[in-house]
Amino acid sequence: MKYSDRITIDPNICHGKPCIRGMRWPVEVVLDMLLSDMTIETILEDHPELEKEDILASLEYAKLLVSGRTVNQAA
């Protein structure tokens, strides 16, 4: 799985922030949930529209951003 299969950027959704599969789920919100000590399992239970791969793609996307590598934007 690649983050680009799950992370989309659309200027008409969430002000162009990277989101999960074109939904109104910004990557930063997923990361905030993880940082607030929610487990992947809890996130999935609370938000059944998300999939484990969405959360992992969010982490991969964040990792690439901080690595200094170029991130190809999926549209």
N, C-alpha and C. Protein backbone atom coordinates (compact mmCIF):
# COMPACT_ATOMS: atom_id res chain seq x y z
N MET A 1 0.83 -1.18 0.00
CA MET A 1 0.00 0.00 0.00
C MET A 1 0.88 1.25 0.00
N LYS A 2 0.48 2.22 -0.79
CA LYS A 2 1.15 3.50 -0.82
C LYS A 2 0.21 4.56 -0.27
N TYR A 3 0.78 5.56 0.37
CA TYR A 3 -0.06 6.63 0.90
C TYR A 3 -0.88 7.26 -0.22
N SER A 4 -0.33 7.33 -1.43
CA SER A 4 -1.02 7.99 -2.54
C SER A 4 -2.29 7.25 -2.96
N ASP A 5 -2.45 6.01 -2.53
CA ASP A 5 -3.69 5.28 -2.80
C ASP A 5 -4.81 5.73 -1.86
N ARG A 6 -4.45 6.42 -0.77
CA ARG A 6 -5.42 6.76 0.28
C ARG A 6 -5.50 8.25 0.59
N ILE A 7 -4.45 9.00 0.33
CA ILE A 7 -4.40 10.42 0.68
C ILE A 7 -4.69 11.23 -0.58
N THR A 8 -5.70 12.09 -0.49
CA THR A 8 -6.06 12.93 -1.63
C THR A 8 -6.01 14.40 -1.23
N ILE A 9 -5.77 15.23 -2.22
CA ILE A 9 -5.77 16.67 -2.00
C ILE A 9 -6.68 17.29 -3.05
N ASP A 10 -7.71 17.95 -2.57
CA ASP A 10 -8.70 18.58 -3.43
C ASP A 10 -8.96 19.97 -2.85
N PRO A 11 -8.75 21.03 -3.65
CA PRO A 11 -8.95 22.37 -3.12
C PRO A 11 -10.38 22.62 -2.64
N ASN A 12 -11.33 21.80 -3.06
CA ASN A 12 -12.72 21.95 -2.66
C ASN A 12 -13.08 21.18 -1.39
N ILE A 13 -12.14 20.41 -0.86
CA ILE A 13 -12.39 19.62 0.35
C ILE A 13 -11.39 20.04 1.42
N CYS A 14 -11.91 20.49 2.55
CA CYS A 14 -11.08 20.88 3.70
C CYS A 14 -9.97 21.87 3.32
N HIS A 15 -10.32 22.83 2.47
CA HIS A 15 -9.39 23.89 2.08
C HIS A 15 -8.11 23.35 1.45
N GLY A 16 -8.19 22.21 0.80
CA GLY A 16 -7.04 21.66 0.10
C GLY A 16 -6.06 20.90 0.98
N LYS A 17 -6.44 20.65 2.23
CA LYS A 17 -5.56 19.87 3.11
C LYS A 17 -5.56 18.41 2.66
N PRO A 18 -4.47 17.70 2.90
CA PRO A 18 -4.44 16.26 2.59
C PRO A 18 -5.52 15.55 3.41
N CYS A 19 -6.35 14.76 2.73
CA CYS A 19 -7.48 14.07 3.37
C CYS A 19 -7.46 12.59 3.02
N ILE A 20 -8.25 11.85 3.77
CA ILE A 20 -8.39 10.41 3.55
C ILE A 20 -9.42 10.17 2.45
N ARG A 21 -9.00 9.55 1.39
CA ARG A 21 -9.85 9.07 0.28
C ARG A 21 -10.93 10.06 -0.16
N GLY A 22 -10.60 11.34 -0.22
CA GLY A 22 -11.56 12.33 -0.69
C GLY A 22 -12.66 12.65 0.29
N MET A 23 -12.59 12.07 1.49
CA MET A 23 -13.58 12.37 2.52
C MET A 23 -13.12 13.61 3.28
N ARG A 24 -13.96 14.09 4.14
CA ARG A 24 -13.60 15.26 4.96
C ARG A 24 -12.91 14.81 6.25
N TRP A 25 -11.88 14.00 6.07
CA TRP A 25 -11.04 13.51 7.15
C TRP A 25 -9.61 13.93 6.87
N PRO A 26 -9.21 15.14 7.34
CA PRO A 26 -7.83 15.56 7.11
C PRO A 26 -6.83 14.64 7.80
N VAL A 27 -5.70 14.45 7.17
CA VAL A 27 -4.62 13.64 7.75
C VAL A 27 -4.26 14.18 9.13
N GLU A 28 -4.23 15.50 9.29
CA GLU A 28 -3.84 16.06 10.59
C GLU A 28 -4.80 15.64 11.71
N VAL A 29 -6.07 15.43 11.40
CA VAL A 29 -7.02 14.99 12.44
C VAL A 29 -6.72 13.54 12.84
N VAL A 30 -6.40 12.72 11.87
CA VAL A 30 -6.03 11.33 12.17
C VAL A 30 -4.78 11.31 13.05
N LEU A 31 -3.79 12.13 12.70
CA LEU A 31 -2.58 12.20 13.50
C LEU A 31 -2.87 12.73 14.91
N ASP A 32 -3.75 13.72 15.00
CA ASP A 32 -4.14 14.24 16.32
C ASP A 32 -4.76 13.15 17.19
N MET A 33 -5.59 12.31 16.59
CA MET A 33 -6.20 11.22 17.37
C MET A 33 -5.13 10.28 17.89
N LEU A 34 -4.16 9.94 17.05
CA LEU A 34 -3.08 9.06 17.49
C LEU A 34 -2.25 9.73 18.58
N LEU A 35 -1.99 11.02 18.42
CA LEU A 35 -1.20 11.75 19.42
C LEU A 35 -1.94 11.92 20.74
N SER A 36 -3.27 11.83 20.70
CA SER A 36 -4.04 11.94 21.95
C SER A 36 -4.14 10.59 22.66
N ASP A 37 -3.34 9.63 22.20
CA ASP A 37 -3.25 8.31 22.82
C ASP A 37 -4.36 7.36 22.41
N MET A 38 -5.11 7.70 21.37
CA MET A 38 -6.10 6.74 20.85
C MET A 38 -5.34 5.65 20.10
N THR A 39 -5.77 4.42 20.28
CA THR A 39 -5.18 3.33 19.51
C THR A 39 -5.84 3.27 18.14
N ILE A 40 -5.20 2.58 17.23
CA ILE A 40 -5.80 2.39 15.91
C ILE A 40 -7.15 1.70 16.06
N GLU A 41 -7.22 0.73 16.94
CA GLU A 41 -8.46 -0.01 17.14
C GLU A 41 -9.58 0.90 17.64
N THR A 42 -9.26 1.79 18.57
CA THR A 42 -10.26 2.71 19.10
C THR A 42 -10.73 3.68 18.02
N ILE A 43 -9.80 4.18 17.24
CA ILE A 43 -10.17 5.09 16.15
C ILE A 43 -11.13 4.39 15.19
N LEU A 44 -10.81 3.16 14.85
CA LEU A 44 -11.66 2.42 13.90
C LEU A 44 -13.02 2.11 14.50
N GLU A 45 -13.08 1.83 15.79
CA GLU A 45 -14.36 1.59 16.44
C GLU A 45 -15.21 2.85 16.46
N ASP A 46 -14.58 3.97 16.77
CA ASP A 46 -15.30 5.24 16.87
C ASP A 46 -15.67 5.84 15.51
N HIS A 47 -14.91 5.48 14.49
CA HIS A 47 -15.10 6.06 13.15
C HIS A 47 -15.05 4.95 12.10
N PRO A 48 -16.15 4.20 11.96
CA PRO A 48 -16.14 3.02 11.08
C PRO A 48 -15.93 3.34 9.60
N GLU A 49 -16.05 4.61 9.22
CA GLU A 49 -15.79 4.97 7.82
C GLU A 49 -14.30 4.95 7.49
N LEU A 50 -13.48 4.96 8.52
CA LEU A 50 -12.03 4.86 8.32
C LEU A 50 -11.60 3.40 8.33
N GLU A 51 -10.50 3.13 7.65
CA GLU A 51 -9.92 1.79 7.60
C GLU A 51 -8.49 1.86 8.14
N LYS A 52 -8.00 0.74 8.60
CA LYS A 52 -6.65 0.69 9.15
C LYS A 52 -5.64 1.24 8.15
N GLU A 53 -5.82 0.93 6.89
CA GLU A 53 -4.91 1.40 5.85
C GLU A 53 -4.90 2.92 5.74
N ASP A 54 -6.04 3.56 6.06
CA ASP A 54 -6.10 5.03 6.04
C ASP A 54 -5.18 5.61 7.11
N ILE A 55 -5.20 5.01 8.28
CA ILE A 55 -4.38 5.48 9.39
C ILE A 55 -2.90 5.26 9.08
N LEU A 56 -2.58 4.10 8.54
CA LEU A 56 -1.19 3.82 8.17
C LEU A 56 -0.71 4.74 7.06
N ALA A 57 -1.59 5.05 6.11
CA ALA A 57 -1.23 5.98 5.03
C ALA A 57 -0.98 7.37 5.59
N SER A 58 -1.73 7.77 6.60
CA SER A 58 -1.52 9.07 7.24
C SER A 58 -0.14 9.13 7.89
N LEU A 59 0.24 8.06 8.54
CA LEU A 59 1.56 7.99 9.17
C LEU A 59 2.67 8.01 8.12
N GLU A 60 2.47 7.27 7.04
CA GLU A 60 3.47 7.25 5.97
C GLU A 60 3.61 8.64 5.35
N TYR A 61 2.49 9.31 5.12
CA TYR A 61 2.50 10.64 4.54
C TYR A 61 3.28 11.60 5.46
N ALA A 62 2.99 11.56 6.74
CA ALA A 62 3.69 12.42 7.70
C ALA A 62 5.18 12.10 7.74
N LYS A 63 5.53 10.84 7.69
CA LYS A 63 6.94 10.45 7.70
C LYS A 63 7.66 11.02 6.50
N LEU A 64 7.04 10.94 5.34
CA LEU A 64 7.67 11.47 4.14
C LEU A 64 7.84 12.98 4.21
N LEU A 65 6.87 13.67 4.78
CA LEU A 65 6.98 15.13 4.91
C LEU A 65 8.16 15.53 5.79
N VAL A 66 8.34 14.85 6.90
CA VAL A 66 9.43 15.23 7.80
C VAL A 66 10.78 14.71 7.32
N SER A 67 10.78 13.77 6.40
CA SER A 67 12.05 13.24 5.89
C SER A 67 12.72 14.21 4.92
N GLY A 68 11.96 15.19 4.44
CA GLY A 68 12.51 16.13 3.47
C GLY A 68 12.40 15.67 2.04
N ARG A 69 11.84 14.48 1.86
CA ARG A 69 11.64 13.99 0.50
C ARG A 69 10.44 14.68 -0.13
N THR A 70 10.42 14.67 -1.44
CA THR A 70 9.28 15.25 -2.15
C THR A 70 8.09 14.32 -2.02
N VAL A 71 6.95 14.92 -1.70
CA VAL A 71 5.71 14.16 -1.56
C VAL A 71 4.88 14.41 -2.80
N ASN A 72 4.60 13.35 -3.54
CA ASN A 72 3.73 13.48 -4.71
C ASN A 72 2.30 13.62 -4.25
N GLN A 73 1.67 14.69 -4.64
CA GLN A 73 0.29 14.95 -4.22
C GLN A 73 -0.66 14.17 -5.09
N ALA A 74 -1.53 13.39 -4.45
CA ALA A 74 -2.58 12.68 -5.18
C ALA A 74 -3.77 13.61 -5.29
N ALA A 75 -4.43 13.56 -6.42
CA ALA A 75 -5.59 14.43 -6.60
C ALA A 75 -6.84 13.61 -6.79
